[in-house]
Amino acid sequence: QVQLVESGGGLVQAGGSLRLSCAASGRRFSTYAMGWFRQAPGKEREFVAAIIWSGGNTYYADSVKGRFTISRDKAKNTVDLQMNSLKPEDTAVYYCAADRNPIIPPMTEPKRVDYWGKGTLVTVSL
């Protein structure tokens, strides 16, 4: 059973930074893509970023390119999301996600995700 546990959310002022981390367990993730989605109040869940576990290729939503960086640590089985230059519109619950058999580009929509974490809230104030 795959388990994904997020940490690192919180309240930050606009222009600030936060780092989210996702601890993954229960499988070997060598064939997986791992990533992050977010869901703001009243909106649909949307893709943020993904990384191919084996090769490290990364993919980003246009709205976060140049501000967010996704990375993975194979030894620790963690996937991190470094978020810089945060904006109020980045406020959302952020979910860690895993795709067992990714196509390229991976997990660009929620229906392609096989496993979800429970989410961590990020609030960006003016």
Foldseek 3Di string as FASTA:
>chain_A
DKAKAKDWADEEAAQAKTKMKIAIDDDQQQQKKKAKWWDDPPGDIFGAKIARVNPGDIDGDPVQPPFWDWGADNVRRMIMIIGGRDDQVVWTWMKMFMARHADPPGDRDPVRTDDIHPTDTHGYHD
